[in-house]
Amino acid sequence: MGTVTDEELDIVSSGPRRDNGTWWPGPDRSHWIAILVLGGVLTCLGLIMGLALQVAHQNDTINKLHATVRNSSHPAPATAAQATIEATVAYTLPDTADGSYSVVAVGIRPRPGSAVLTWLFVYGRHVHSGERYGLRQATCTGQDVTRSDLADGTADQDGNLTIVAPNLAITPQEGAWVEVYRSTDSTGLGGIQGPPLGRGASTFRDAPTC
């Protein structure tokens, strides 16, 4: 057996050592940069996928409404007027501890020359399964608030919620808003201030005061 020199010992002992005595080469700086870049890319992909799902959900709502309008028209002569969709606006409400909510407002003109009626679609995600939620309209009357229920719905077992409020005659007026709320205790969960299909509408987490 040959003699091992000090120089050979230095070569064998180079590199970081693991607890089991095996020698492994450590990652260099380029490896760490690649890992950080990959993490950033994955984070961006997650955000893009979330936005894409939300847009797809809203587009699906509009497509279903188009189908509803077509299917609800009774057979009639070719000259009979058909309902038309005049406008669509989508809102994302501020997140709450009780889930995330979005509202799609659709303006439908039942026939030429008639007033446009508003349909409101509320979607909730990550809400409490089996709990009931509602959509209400509120208006300031002096220092008081007058509220009226528009529609309600129950969250399914997966924590998803859908509320449909059709054929609403919403007129633009100051001090008015629509709001999503929890039915059990009437707690507001955010909404839209101003006419949902008009200019100047904005979302809120806490209801305005008169």
N, C-alpha and C. Protein backbone atom coordinates (compact mmCIF):
# COMPACT_ATOMS: atom_id res chain seq x y z
N MET A 1 0.87 -1.22 0.00
CA MET A 1 0.00 0.00 0.00
C MET A 1 0.88 1.24 0.00
N GLY A 2 0.58 2.23 -0.92
CA GLY A 2 1.42 3.41 -1.05
C GLY A 2 1.19 4.39 0.06
N THR A 3 2.11 5.32 0.14
CA THR A 3 2.02 6.38 1.16
C THR A 3 1.17 7.52 0.64
N VAL A 4 0.21 8.03 1.47
CA VAL A 4 -0.64 9.17 1.09
C VAL A 4 0.02 10.45 1.54
N THR A 5 0.24 11.35 0.63
CA THR A 5 0.92 12.60 0.95
C THR A 5 -0.07 13.63 1.47
N ASP A 6 0.45 14.73 2.07
CA ASP A 6 -0.40 15.81 2.57
C ASP A 6 -1.16 16.47 1.44
N GLU A 7 -0.53 16.55 0.26
CA GLU A 7 -1.18 17.19 -0.87
C GLU A 7 -2.41 16.41 -1.31
N GLU A 8 -2.30 15.05 -1.30
CA GLU A 8 -3.43 14.22 -1.68
C GLU A 8 -4.56 14.33 -0.66
N LEU A 9 -4.22 14.44 0.63
CA LEU A 9 -5.25 14.62 1.65
C LEU A 9 -6.02 15.91 1.44
N ASP A 10 -5.31 16.97 1.05
CA ASP A 10 -5.98 18.24 0.81
C ASP A 10 -6.97 18.12 -0.34
N ILE A 11 -6.62 17.38 -1.39
CA ILE A 11 -7.51 17.23 -2.54
C ILE A 11 -8.75 16.44 -2.16
N VAL A 12 -8.58 15.34 -1.40
CA VAL A 12 -9.71 14.51 -1.00
C VAL A 12 -10.68 15.25 -0.11
N SER A 13 -10.16 16.15 0.75
CA SER A 13 -11.01 16.81 1.74
C SER A 13 -11.64 18.10 1.26
N SER A 14 -11.56 18.45 -0.03
CA SER A 14 -12.13 19.70 -0.50
C SER A 14 -13.63 19.56 -0.68
N GLY A 15 -14.41 20.65 -0.49
CA GLY A 15 -15.87 20.66 -0.67
C GLY A 15 -16.59 20.51 0.65
N PRO A 16 -17.85 20.95 0.68
CA PRO A 16 -18.64 20.86 1.92
C PRO A 16 -18.94 19.43 2.28
N ARG A 17 -19.04 19.13 3.56
CA ARG A 17 -19.25 17.78 4.05
C ARG A 17 -20.61 17.65 4.70
N ARG A 18 -21.31 16.53 4.39
CA ARG A 18 -22.59 16.23 5.04
C ARG A 18 -22.32 15.39 6.27
N ASP A 19 -23.36 15.25 7.09
CA ASP A 19 -23.20 14.57 8.38
C ASP A 19 -22.82 13.11 8.23
N ASN A 20 -23.22 12.45 7.11
CA ASN A 20 -22.91 11.04 6.96
C ASN A 20 -21.51 10.79 6.43
N GLY A 21 -20.77 11.87 6.27
CA GLY A 21 -19.39 11.71 5.84
C GLY A 21 -19.20 11.73 4.34
N THR A 22 -20.27 11.84 3.56
CA THR A 22 -20.16 11.86 2.11
C THR A 22 -19.89 13.29 1.65
N TRP A 23 -19.09 13.43 0.68
CA TRP A 23 -18.71 14.76 0.18
C TRP A 23 -19.58 15.10 -1.01
N TRP A 24 -20.23 16.28 -0.96
CA TRP A 24 -21.10 16.71 -2.05
C TRP A 24 -20.66 18.10 -2.51
N PRO A 25 -20.69 18.33 -3.81
CA PRO A 25 -20.38 19.69 -4.29
C PRO A 25 -21.53 20.63 -3.96
N GLY A 26 -21.28 21.84 -3.47
CA GLY A 26 -22.32 22.80 -3.14
C GLY A 26 -22.78 23.57 -4.36
N PRO A 27 -24.06 24.05 -4.36
CA PRO A 27 -24.56 24.82 -5.50
C PRO A 27 -23.84 26.16 -5.60
N ASP A 28 -23.48 26.51 -6.84
CA ASP A 28 -22.81 27.79 -7.01
C ASP A 28 -23.84 28.90 -7.11
N ARG A 29 -23.36 30.11 -7.32
CA ARG A 29 -24.24 31.28 -7.31
C ARG A 29 -25.27 31.21 -8.43
N SER A 30 -24.90 30.69 -9.60
CA SER A 30 -25.83 30.62 -10.72
C SER A 30 -27.01 29.70 -10.42
N HIS A 31 -26.76 28.62 -9.64
CA HIS A 31 -27.84 27.72 -9.27
C HIS A 31 -28.86 28.43 -8.38
N TRP A 32 -28.38 29.21 -7.41
CA TRP A 32 -29.31 29.93 -6.53
C TRP A 32 -30.13 30.96 -7.31
N ILE A 33 -29.50 31.64 -8.26
CA ILE A 33 -30.21 32.62 -9.09
C ILE A 33 -31.30 31.92 -9.89
N ALA A 34 -30.96 30.74 -10.46
CA ALA A 34 -31.95 30.00 -11.24
C ALA A 34 -33.14 29.59 -10.38
N ILE A 35 -32.87 29.18 -9.13
CA ILE A 35 -33.94 28.79 -8.22
C ILE A 35 -34.85 29.97 -7.90
N LEU A 36 -34.25 31.15 -7.63
CA LEU A 36 -35.04 32.34 -7.33
C LEU A 36 -35.88 32.76 -8.53
N VAL A 37 -35.30 32.71 -9.72
CA VAL A 37 -36.04 33.08 -10.93
C VAL A 37 -37.21 32.14 -11.14
N LEU A 38 -36.98 30.82 -10.95
CA LEU A 38 -38.05 29.85 -11.11
C LEU A 38 -39.18 30.11 -10.12
N GLY A 39 -38.83 30.45 -8.87
CA GLY A 39 -39.86 30.76 -7.88
C GLY A 39 -40.70 31.96 -8.30
N GLY A 40 -40.03 33.00 -8.83
CA GLY A 40 -40.76 34.18 -9.29
C GLY A 40 -41.68 33.86 -10.45
N VAL A 41 -41.22 33.02 -11.38
CA VAL A 41 -42.04 32.64 -12.52
C VAL A 41 -43.28 31.88 -12.07
N LEU A 42 -43.09 30.93 -11.11
CA LEU A 42 -44.23 30.16 -10.62
C LEU A 42 -45.25 31.06 -9.93
N THR A 43 -44.77 32.06 -9.17
CA THR A 43 -45.68 32.99 -8.50
C THR A 43 -46.49 33.78 -9.52
N CYS A 44 -45.83 34.26 -10.58
CA CYS A 44 -46.53 35.01 -11.63
C CYS A 44 -47.55 34.14 -12.35
N LEU A 45 -47.18 32.88 -12.60
CA LEU A 45 -48.12 31.97 -13.25
C LEU A 45 -49.36 31.76 -12.39
N GLY A 46 -49.16 31.67 -11.06
CA GLY A 46 -50.29 31.50 -10.17
C GLY A 46 -51.25 32.69 -10.24
N LEU A 47 -50.70 33.91 -10.24
CA LEU A 47 -51.53 35.11 -10.34
C LEU A 47 -52.27 35.16 -11.67
N ILE A 48 -51.57 34.82 -12.77
CA ILE A 48 -52.19 34.86 -14.09
C ILE A 48 -53.32 33.85 -14.18
N MET A 49 -53.10 32.65 -13.62
CA MET A 49 -54.15 31.63 -13.65
C MET A 49 -55.38 32.07 -12.86
N GLY A 50 -55.14 32.73 -11.69
CA GLY A 50 -56.26 33.22 -10.90
C GLY A 50 -57.09 34.25 -11.64
N LEU A 51 -56.39 35.21 -12.31
CA LEU A 51 -57.09 36.22 -13.09
C LEU A 51 -57.83 35.60 -14.27
N ALA A 52 -57.19 34.61 -14.91
CA ALA A 52 -57.83 33.96 -16.06
C ALA A 52 -59.10 33.24 -15.65
N LEU A 53 -59.07 32.58 -14.47
CA LEU A 53 -60.27 31.88 -13.98
C LEU A 53 -61.39 32.86 -13.71
N GLN A 54 -61.04 34.02 -13.12
CA GLN A 54 -62.07 35.01 -12.81
C GLN A 54 -62.68 35.57 -14.09
N VAL A 55 -61.84 35.90 -15.08
CA VAL A 55 -62.35 36.42 -16.35
C VAL A 55 -63.20 35.36 -17.05
N ALA A 56 -62.74 34.10 -17.02
CA ALA A 56 -63.51 33.02 -17.64
C ALA A 56 -64.87 32.87 -16.99
N HIS A 57 -64.91 33.01 -15.65
CA HIS A 57 -66.18 32.90 -14.93
C HIS A 57 -67.13 34.01 -15.36
N GLN A 58 -66.61 35.23 -15.47
CA GLN A 58 -67.45 36.35 -15.86
C GLN A 58 -67.91 36.21 -17.31
N ASN A 59 -67.01 35.75 -18.20
CA ASN A 59 -67.39 35.54 -19.59
C ASN A 59 -68.45 34.45 -19.69
N ASP A 60 -68.32 33.41 -18.87
CA ASP A 60 -69.30 32.34 -18.87
C ASP A 60 -70.67 32.87 -18.45
N THR A 61 -70.67 33.80 -17.48
CA THR A 61 -71.92 34.42 -17.05
C THR A 61 -72.60 35.15 -18.21
N ILE A 62 -71.82 35.93 -18.94
CA ILE A 62 -72.38 36.70 -20.05
C ILE A 62 -72.90 35.77 -21.14
N ASN A 63 -72.14 34.71 -21.43
CA ASN A 63 -72.59 33.76 -22.45
C ASN A 63 -73.89 33.08 -22.05
N LYS A 64 -73.99 32.69 -20.75
CA LYS A 64 -75.22 32.05 -20.28
C LYS A 64 -76.40 33.01 -20.35
N LEU A 65 -76.13 34.29 -20.07
CA LEU A 65 -77.23 35.26 -20.12
C LEU A 65 -77.71 35.44 -21.56
N HIS A 66 -76.77 35.49 -22.51
CA HIS A 66 -77.17 35.55 -23.91
C HIS A 66 -78.08 34.37 -24.25
N ALA A 67 -77.71 33.17 -23.79
CA ALA A 67 -78.52 31.99 -24.07
C ALA A 67 -79.89 32.11 -23.41
N THR A 68 -79.92 32.65 -22.18
CA THR A 68 -81.19 32.82 -21.47
C THR A 68 -82.12 33.76 -22.21
N VAL A 69 -81.55 34.86 -22.71
CA VAL A 69 -82.36 35.83 -23.45
C VAL A 69 -82.93 35.19 -24.71
N ARG A 70 -82.10 34.40 -25.40
CA ARG A 70 -82.59 33.74 -26.62
C ARG A 70 -83.67 32.72 -26.30
N ASN A 71 -83.43 31.93 -25.26
CA ASN A 71 -84.37 30.85 -24.94
C ASN A 71 -85.68 31.35 -24.36
N SER A 72 -85.62 32.53 -23.72
CA SER A 72 -86.84 33.05 -23.09
C SER A 72 -87.79 33.72 -24.08
N SER A 73 -87.31 33.94 -25.29
CA SER A 73 -88.15 34.57 -26.31
C SER A 73 -89.12 33.52 -26.86
N HIS A 74 -90.41 33.77 -26.77
CA HIS A 74 -91.42 32.83 -27.25
C HIS A 74 -91.47 32.87 -28.78
N PRO A 75 -91.87 31.77 -29.42
CA PRO A 75 -92.01 31.79 -30.87
C PRO A 75 -92.92 32.92 -31.31
N ALA A 76 -92.48 33.67 -32.32
CA ALA A 76 -93.24 34.83 -32.77
C ALA A 76 -92.93 35.07 -34.23
N PRO A 77 -93.72 35.92 -34.89
CA PRO A 77 -93.44 36.24 -36.28
C PRO A 77 -92.05 36.85 -36.43
N ALA A 78 -91.53 36.80 -37.64
CA ALA A 78 -90.17 37.27 -37.89
C ALA A 78 -90.03 38.75 -37.58
N THR A 79 -91.11 39.50 -37.60
CA THR A 79 -91.04 40.93 -37.35
C THR A 79 -91.07 41.27 -35.87
N ALA A 80 -91.30 40.28 -35.00
CA ALA A 80 -91.39 40.55 -33.57
C ALA A 80 -90.04 40.98 -33.03
N ALA A 81 -90.04 41.88 -32.06
CA ALA A 81 -88.80 42.39 -31.48
C ALA A 81 -88.21 41.38 -30.52
N GLN A 82 -86.89 41.33 -30.46
CA GLN A 82 -86.18 40.44 -29.56
C GLN A 82 -85.45 41.27 -28.50
N ALA A 83 -85.31 40.69 -27.31
CA ALA A 83 -84.54 41.36 -26.25
C ALA A 83 -83.07 41.41 -26.66
N THR A 84 -82.40 42.48 -26.27
CA THR A 84 -80.99 42.65 -26.61
C THR A 84 -80.19 43.02 -25.36
N ILE A 85 -78.95 42.61 -25.34
CA ILE A 85 -78.04 42.97 -24.25
C ILE A 85 -77.31 44.24 -24.63
N GLU A 86 -77.46 45.28 -23.82
CA GLU A 86 -76.92 46.59 -24.14
C GLU A 86 -75.56 46.84 -23.52
N ALA A 87 -75.30 46.28 -22.35
CA ALA A 87 -74.03 46.58 -21.67
C ALA A 87 -73.73 45.51 -20.64
N THR A 88 -72.45 45.31 -20.36
CA THR A 88 -72.00 44.41 -19.29
C THR A 88 -70.82 45.05 -18.58
N VAL A 89 -70.85 45.00 -17.26
CA VAL A 89 -69.75 45.54 -16.44
C VAL A 89 -69.45 44.54 -15.33
N ALA A 90 -68.18 44.24 -15.12
CA ALA A 90 -67.76 43.29 -14.08
C ALA A 90 -67.03 44.02 -12.96
N TYR A 91 -67.33 43.67 -11.73
CA TYR A 91 -66.69 44.27 -10.55
C TYR A 91 -66.12 43.17 -9.66
N THR A 92 -64.95 43.42 -9.12
CA THR A 92 -64.38 42.55 -8.10
C THR A 92 -64.42 43.28 -6.78
N LEU A 93 -65.14 42.75 -5.81
CA LEU A 93 -65.27 43.40 -4.51
C LEU A 93 -64.04 43.12 -3.65
N PRO A 94 -63.73 44.01 -2.71
CA PRO A 94 -62.59 43.76 -1.81
C PRO A 94 -62.79 42.46 -1.04
N ASP A 95 -61.70 41.71 -0.86
CA ASP A 95 -61.77 40.44 -0.14
C ASP A 95 -62.21 40.64 1.31
N THR A 96 -62.87 39.63 1.85
CA THR A 96 -63.31 39.65 3.24
C THR A 96 -62.89 38.35 3.91
N ALA A 97 -63.05 38.31 5.23
CA ALA A 97 -62.78 37.06 5.95
C ALA A 97 -63.85 36.03 5.66
N ASP A 98 -64.93 36.44 5.00
CA ASP A 98 -66.05 35.55 4.69
C ASP A 98 -66.06 35.17 3.21
N GLY A 99 -64.93 35.30 2.53
CA GLY A 99 -64.85 34.89 1.14
C GLY A 99 -64.54 36.04 0.20
N SER A 100 -64.47 35.71 -1.10
CA SER A 100 -64.21 36.69 -2.16
C SER A 100 -65.44 36.75 -3.06
N TYR A 101 -65.80 37.98 -3.47
CA TYR A 101 -67.03 38.17 -4.23
C TYR A 101 -66.78 39.03 -5.47
N SER A 102 -67.53 38.72 -6.52
CA SER A 102 -67.52 39.54 -7.72
C SER A 102 -68.95 39.72 -8.19
N VAL A 103 -69.20 40.81 -8.89
CA VAL A 103 -70.54 41.13 -9.38
C VAL A 103 -70.44 41.45 -10.87
N VAL A 104 -71.33 40.85 -11.66
CA VAL A 104 -71.46 41.17 -13.08
C VAL A 104 -72.81 41.83 -13.29
N ALA A 105 -72.80 43.05 -13.81
CA ALA A 105 -74.02 43.78 -14.11
C ALA A 105 -74.26 43.73 -15.62
N VAL A 106 -75.47 43.37 -16.00
CA VAL A 106 -75.83 43.25 -17.42
C VAL A 106 -77.08 44.07 -17.68
N GLY A 107 -77.04 44.92 -18.71
CA GLY A 107 -78.20 45.72 -19.10
C GLY A 107 -78.93 45.08 -20.26
N ILE A 108 -80.23 44.79 -20.08
CA ILE A 108 -81.04 44.14 -21.11
C ILE A 108 -82.19 45.07 -21.51
N ARG A 109 -82.34 45.26 -22.82
CA ARG A 109 -83.48 46.02 -23.34
C ARG A 109 -84.50 45.00 -23.86
N PRO A 110 -85.65 44.87 -23.18
CA PRO A 110 -86.61 43.82 -23.57
C PRO A 110 -87.10 43.96 -25.01
N ARG A 111 -87.25 45.20 -25.48
CA ARG A 111 -87.70 45.45 -26.86
C ARG A 111 -87.26 46.85 -27.26
N PRO A 112 -87.19 47.15 -28.52
CA PRO A 112 -86.76 48.48 -28.96
C PRO A 112 -87.61 49.58 -28.35
N GLY A 113 -86.94 50.61 -27.84
CA GLY A 113 -87.64 51.75 -27.27
C GLY A 113 -87.97 51.60 -25.80
N SER A 114 -87.81 50.41 -25.24
CA SER A 114 -88.11 50.21 -23.82
C SER A 114 -86.90 50.56 -22.97
N ALA A 115 -87.13 50.75 -21.69
CA ALA A 115 -86.04 51.07 -20.76
C ALA A 115 -85.15 49.84 -20.56
N VAL A 116 -83.88 50.10 -20.31
CA VAL A 116 -82.93 49.02 -20.06
C VAL A 116 -83.09 48.52 -18.63
N LEU A 117 -83.24 47.23 -18.46
CA LEU A 117 -83.33 46.61 -17.14
C LEU A 117 -81.98 46.02 -16.76
N THR A 118 -81.67 46.04 -15.47
CA THR A 118 -80.38 45.56 -14.98
C THR A 118 -80.53 44.17 -14.37
N TRP A 119 -79.65 43.27 -14.78
CA TRP A 119 -79.50 41.96 -14.14
C TRP A 119 -78.19 41.97 -13.39
N LEU A 120 -78.23 41.52 -12.14
CA LEU A 120 -77.01 41.46 -11.33
C LEU A 120 -76.71 40.00 -10.98
N PHE A 121 -75.48 39.59 -11.24
CA PHE A 121 -75.01 38.24 -10.92
C PHE A 121 -73.90 38.37 -9.88
N VAL A 122 -74.09 37.75 -8.74
CA VAL A 122 -73.09 37.76 -7.68
C VAL A 122 -72.46 36.38 -7.59
N TYR A 123 -71.11 36.36 -7.55
CA TYR A 123 -70.39 35.10 -7.39
C TYR A 123 -69.49 35.20 -6.16
N GLY A 124 -69.55 34.18 -5.33
CA GLY A 124 -68.71 34.11 -4.15
C GLY A 124 -67.84 32.86 -4.18
N ARG A 125 -66.62 32.99 -3.69
CA ARG A 125 -65.70 31.86 -3.60
C ARG A 125 -65.15 31.79 -2.18
N HIS A 126 -64.92 30.57 -1.71
CA HIS A 126 -64.38 30.33 -0.37
C HIS A 126 -65.30 30.88 0.73
N VAL A 127 -66.61 30.81 0.49
CA VAL A 127 -67.57 31.24 1.51
C VAL A 127 -67.96 30.02 2.35
N HIS A 128 -68.75 30.25 3.38
CA HIS A 128 -69.13 29.16 4.29
C HIS A 128 -70.17 28.26 3.64
N SER A 129 -69.83 26.99 3.51
CA SER A 129 -70.72 26.03 2.88
C SER A 129 -72.06 25.94 3.61
N GLY A 130 -73.15 25.96 2.84
CA GLY A 130 -74.49 25.85 3.41
C GLY A 130 -75.06 27.13 3.98
N GLU A 131 -74.28 28.19 4.02
CA GLU A 131 -74.79 29.45 4.59
C GLU A 131 -75.50 30.27 3.51
N ARG A 132 -76.47 31.05 3.95
CA ARG A 132 -77.28 31.84 3.01
C ARG A 132 -76.78 33.28 2.97
N TYR A 133 -76.75 33.82 1.75
CA TYR A 133 -76.28 35.19 1.51
C TYR A 133 -77.32 35.91 0.65
N GLY A 134 -77.30 37.24 0.72
CA GLY A 134 -78.26 38.01 -0.05
C GLY A 134 -77.63 39.20 -0.73
N LEU A 135 -78.43 39.79 -1.63
CA LEU A 135 -78.05 41.04 -2.31
C LEU A 135 -79.17 42.04 -2.05
N ARG A 136 -78.81 43.23 -1.58
CA ARG A 136 -79.82 44.22 -1.26
C ARG A 136 -79.45 45.57 -1.85
N GLN A 137 -80.48 46.40 -2.02
CA GLN A 137 -80.29 47.76 -2.48
C GLN A 137 -80.52 48.71 -1.31
N ALA A 138 -79.68 49.72 -1.22
CA ALA A 138 -79.80 50.68 -0.12
C ALA A 138 -79.83 52.10 -0.67
N THR A 139 -80.61 52.95 -0.02
CA THR A 139 -80.75 54.34 -0.44
C THR A 139 -80.81 55.22 0.80
N CYS A 140 -80.11 56.33 0.74
CA CYS A 140 -80.15 57.30 1.84
C CYS A 140 -81.45 58.09 1.76
N THR A 141 -82.17 58.14 2.87
CA THR A 141 -83.35 58.99 2.99
C THR A 141 -83.11 59.92 4.18
N GLY A 142 -82.50 61.05 3.89
CA GLY A 142 -82.07 61.92 4.97
C GLY A 142 -80.86 61.32 5.66
N GLN A 143 -80.96 61.15 6.97
CA GLN A 143 -79.89 60.53 7.74
C GLN A 143 -80.07 59.02 7.89
N ASP A 144 -81.17 58.50 7.38
CA ASP A 144 -81.47 57.08 7.52
C ASP A 144 -81.17 56.35 6.21
N VAL A 145 -81.07 55.02 6.33
CA VAL A 145 -80.83 54.16 5.16
C VAL A 145 -82.03 53.25 4.98
N THR A 146 -82.59 53.26 3.77
CA THR A 146 -83.69 52.37 3.42
C THR A 146 -83.12 51.21 2.60
N ARG A 147 -83.36 49.99 3.06
CA ARG A 147 -82.83 48.81 2.38
C ARG A 147 -83.96 47.93 1.87
N SER A 148 -83.72 47.31 0.73
CA SER A 148 -84.69 46.35 0.17
C SER A 148 -83.93 45.18 -0.43
N ASP A 149 -84.41 43.98 -0.15
CA ASP A 149 -83.76 42.78 -0.65
C ASP A 149 -84.05 42.60 -2.14
N LEU A 150 -83.02 42.18 -2.87
CA LEU A 150 -83.16 41.94 -4.30
C LEU A 150 -83.18 40.45 -4.64
N ALA A 151 -82.32 39.68 -4.00
CA ALA A 151 -82.24 38.24 -4.27
C ALA A 151 -81.34 37.61 -3.21
N ASP A 152 -81.37 36.27 -3.15
CA ASP A 152 -80.48 35.58 -2.21
C ASP A 152 -80.09 34.22 -2.78
N GLY A 153 -79.16 33.55 -2.09
CA GLY A 153 -78.70 32.25 -2.53
C GLY A 153 -77.94 31.57 -1.41
N THR A 154 -77.71 30.27 -1.57
CA THR A 154 -77.03 29.46 -0.56
C THR A 154 -75.73 28.91 -1.13
N ALA A 155 -74.66 28.99 -0.36
CA ALA A 155 -73.36 28.48 -0.80
C ALA A 155 -73.40 26.96 -0.89
N ASP A 156 -72.77 26.40 -1.92
CA ASP A 156 -72.76 24.95 -2.08
C ASP A 156 -71.69 24.32 -1.19
N GLN A 157 -71.54 23.01 -1.29
CA GLN A 157 -70.62 22.28 -0.41
C GLN A 157 -69.15 22.62 -0.68
N ASP A 158 -68.87 23.21 -1.84
CA ASP A 158 -67.50 23.60 -2.16
C ASP A 158 -67.19 25.05 -1.79
N GLY A 159 -68.16 25.73 -1.17
CA GLY A 159 -67.94 27.11 -0.78
C GLY A 159 -68.12 28.10 -1.91
N ASN A 160 -68.89 27.71 -2.95
CA ASN A 160 -69.18 28.62 -4.07
C ASN A 160 -70.61 29.13 -3.95
N LEU A 161 -70.79 30.39 -4.33
CA LEU A 161 -72.10 31.04 -4.19
C LEU A 161 -72.49 31.73 -5.49
N THR A 162 -73.77 31.60 -5.86
CA THR A 162 -74.31 32.33 -7.01
C THR A 162 -75.64 32.95 -6.62
N ILE A 163 -75.77 34.25 -6.88
CA ILE A 163 -77.02 34.97 -6.65
C ILE A 163 -77.39 35.68 -7.94
N VAL A 164 -78.64 35.55 -8.37
CA VAL A 164 -79.11 36.21 -9.59
C VAL A 164 -80.28 37.12 -9.24
N ALA A 165 -80.13 38.41 -9.58
CA ALA A 165 -81.20 39.39 -9.37
C ALA A 165 -81.60 39.95 -10.73
N PRO A 166 -82.72 39.47 -11.32
CA PRO A 166 -83.08 39.87 -12.69
C PRO A 166 -84.03 41.06 -12.74
N ASN A 167 -84.06 41.70 -13.92
CA ASN A 167 -85.08 42.71 -14.26
C ASN A 167 -85.21 43.82 -13.23
N LEU A 168 -84.09 44.42 -12.88
CA LEU A 168 -84.09 45.51 -11.90
C LEU A 168 -84.17 46.86 -12.62
N ALA A 169 -85.09 47.70 -12.16
CA ALA A 169 -85.20 49.06 -12.70
C ALA A 169 -84.40 49.99 -11.80
N ILE A 170 -83.10 50.01 -11.96
CA ILE A 170 -82.22 50.83 -11.12
C ILE A 170 -82.00 52.17 -11.79
N THR A 171 -82.39 53.23 -11.12
CA THR A 171 -82.22 54.58 -11.68
C THR A 171 -81.06 55.27 -10.95
N PRO A 172 -80.24 56.02 -11.68
CA PRO A 172 -79.12 56.72 -11.05
C PRO A 172 -79.62 57.73 -10.03
N GLN A 173 -79.09 57.67 -8.84
CA GLN A 173 -79.42 58.64 -7.81
C GLN A 173 -78.30 58.69 -6.78
N GLU A 174 -78.15 59.84 -6.19
CA GLU A 174 -77.10 60.03 -5.19
C GLU A 174 -77.46 59.30 -3.89
N GLY A 175 -76.46 58.73 -3.25
CA GLY A 175 -76.69 58.04 -1.99
C GLY A 175 -77.37 56.70 -2.15
N ALA A 176 -77.02 55.96 -3.20
CA ALA A 176 -77.62 54.64 -3.42
C ALA A 176 -76.52 53.64 -3.72
N TRP A 177 -76.72 52.39 -3.28
CA TRP A 177 -75.74 51.34 -3.56
C TRP A 177 -76.41 49.98 -3.47
N VAL A 178 -75.71 48.97 -3.99
CA VAL A 178 -76.13 47.57 -3.82
C VAL A 178 -75.04 46.88 -3.01
N GLU A 179 -75.45 45.92 -2.19
CA GLU A 179 -74.52 45.33 -1.23
C GLU A 179 -74.80 43.84 -1.04
N VAL A 180 -73.71 43.06 -1.00
CA VAL A 180 -73.81 41.64 -0.64
C VAL A 180 -73.78 41.54 0.88
N TYR A 181 -74.59 40.65 1.45
CA TYR A 181 -74.61 40.53 2.91
C TYR A 181 -74.86 39.08 3.33
N ARG A 182 -74.48 38.78 4.56
CA ARG A 182 -74.73 37.47 5.15
C ARG A 182 -76.10 37.47 5.80
N SER A 183 -76.93 36.51 5.44
CA SER A 183 -78.34 36.54 5.87
C SER A 183 -78.52 36.32 7.37
N THR A 184 -77.65 35.51 7.97
CA THR A 184 -77.86 35.15 9.38
C THR A 184 -77.82 36.36 10.31
N ASP A 185 -76.94 37.31 10.03
CA ASP A 185 -76.81 38.47 10.92
C ASP A 185 -76.84 39.80 10.17
N SER A 186 -77.13 39.75 8.86
CA SER A 186 -77.25 40.96 8.03
C SER A 186 -75.93 41.73 7.90
N THR A 187 -74.81 41.05 8.12
CA THR A 187 -73.50 41.71 8.01
C THR A 187 -73.17 41.99 6.54
N GLY A 188 -72.85 43.25 6.23
CA GLY A 188 -72.47 43.62 4.88
C GLY A 188 -71.10 43.08 4.52
N LEU A 189 -70.95 42.66 3.25
CA LEU A 189 -69.70 42.06 2.80
C LEU A 189 -69.10 42.80 1.60
N GLY A 190 -69.58 44.01 1.35
CA GLY A 190 -69.06 44.80 0.23
C GLY A 190 -70.10 44.97 -0.85
N GLY A 191 -69.87 45.95 -1.71
CA GLY A 191 -70.84 46.20 -2.76
C GLY A 191 -70.38 47.24 -3.74
N ILE A 192 -71.36 47.85 -4.44
CA ILE A 192 -71.10 48.84 -5.49
C ILE A 192 -71.88 50.09 -5.17
N GLN A 193 -71.20 51.21 -5.13
CA GLN A 193 -71.86 52.50 -4.90
C GLN A 193 -72.10 53.17 -6.24
N GLY A 194 -73.34 53.64 -6.45
CA GLY A 194 -73.69 54.21 -7.73
C GLY A 194 -74.35 53.18 -8.62
N PRO A 195 -74.92 53.60 -9.75
CA PRO A 195 -75.59 52.65 -10.65
C PRO A 195 -74.57 51.68 -11.25
N PRO A 196 -74.79 50.38 -11.14
CA PRO A 196 -73.80 49.41 -11.62
C PRO A 196 -73.47 49.54 -13.10
N LEU A 197 -74.43 50.04 -13.89
CA LEU A 197 -74.19 50.20 -15.33
C LEU A 197 -73.87 51.64 -15.71
N GLY A 198 -73.79 52.53 -14.72
CA GLY A 198 -73.51 53.93 -15.02
C GLY A 198 -72.06 54.30 -14.77
N ARG A 199 -71.71 55.49 -15.15
CA ARG A 199 -70.36 56.00 -14.91
C ARG A 199 -70.21 56.42 -13.45
N GLY A 200 -69.00 56.29 -12.96
CA GLY A 200 -68.72 56.74 -11.61
C GLY A 200 -69.00 55.72 -10.53
N ALA A 201 -69.44 54.51 -10.90
CA ALA A 201 -69.69 53.48 -9.89
C ALA A 201 -68.36 52.99 -9.33
N SER A 202 -68.34 52.66 -8.05
CA SER A 202 -67.12 52.19 -7.40
C SER A 202 -67.47 51.11 -6.38
N THR A 203 -66.50 50.25 -6.10
CA THR A 203 -66.71 49.18 -5.13
C THR A 203 -66.33 49.65 -3.73
N PHE A 204 -66.84 48.99 -2.73
CA PHE A 204 -66.50 49.31 -1.34
C PHE A 204 -66.51 48.05 -0.51
N ARG A 205 -65.79 48.10 0.60
CA ARG A 205 -65.82 47.01 1.58
C ARG A 205 -66.84 47.30 2.67
N ASP A 206 -66.80 48.54 3.21
CA ASP A 206 -67.75 48.96 4.25
C ASP A 206 -68.77 49.90 3.62
N ALA A 207 -70.03 49.69 3.92
CA ALA A 207 -71.11 50.46 3.31
C ALA A 207 -70.96 51.95 3.59
N PRO A 208 -71.32 52.80 2.63
CA PRO A 208 -71.28 54.25 2.85
C PRO A 208 -72.25 54.67 3.95
N THR A 209 -72.03 55.87 4.45
CA THR A 209 -72.94 56.43 5.44
C THR A 209 -73.67 57.61 4.83
N CYS A 210 -74.85 57.89 5.33
CA CYS A 210 -75.66 59.00 4.81
C CYS A 210 -75.25 60.33 5.44
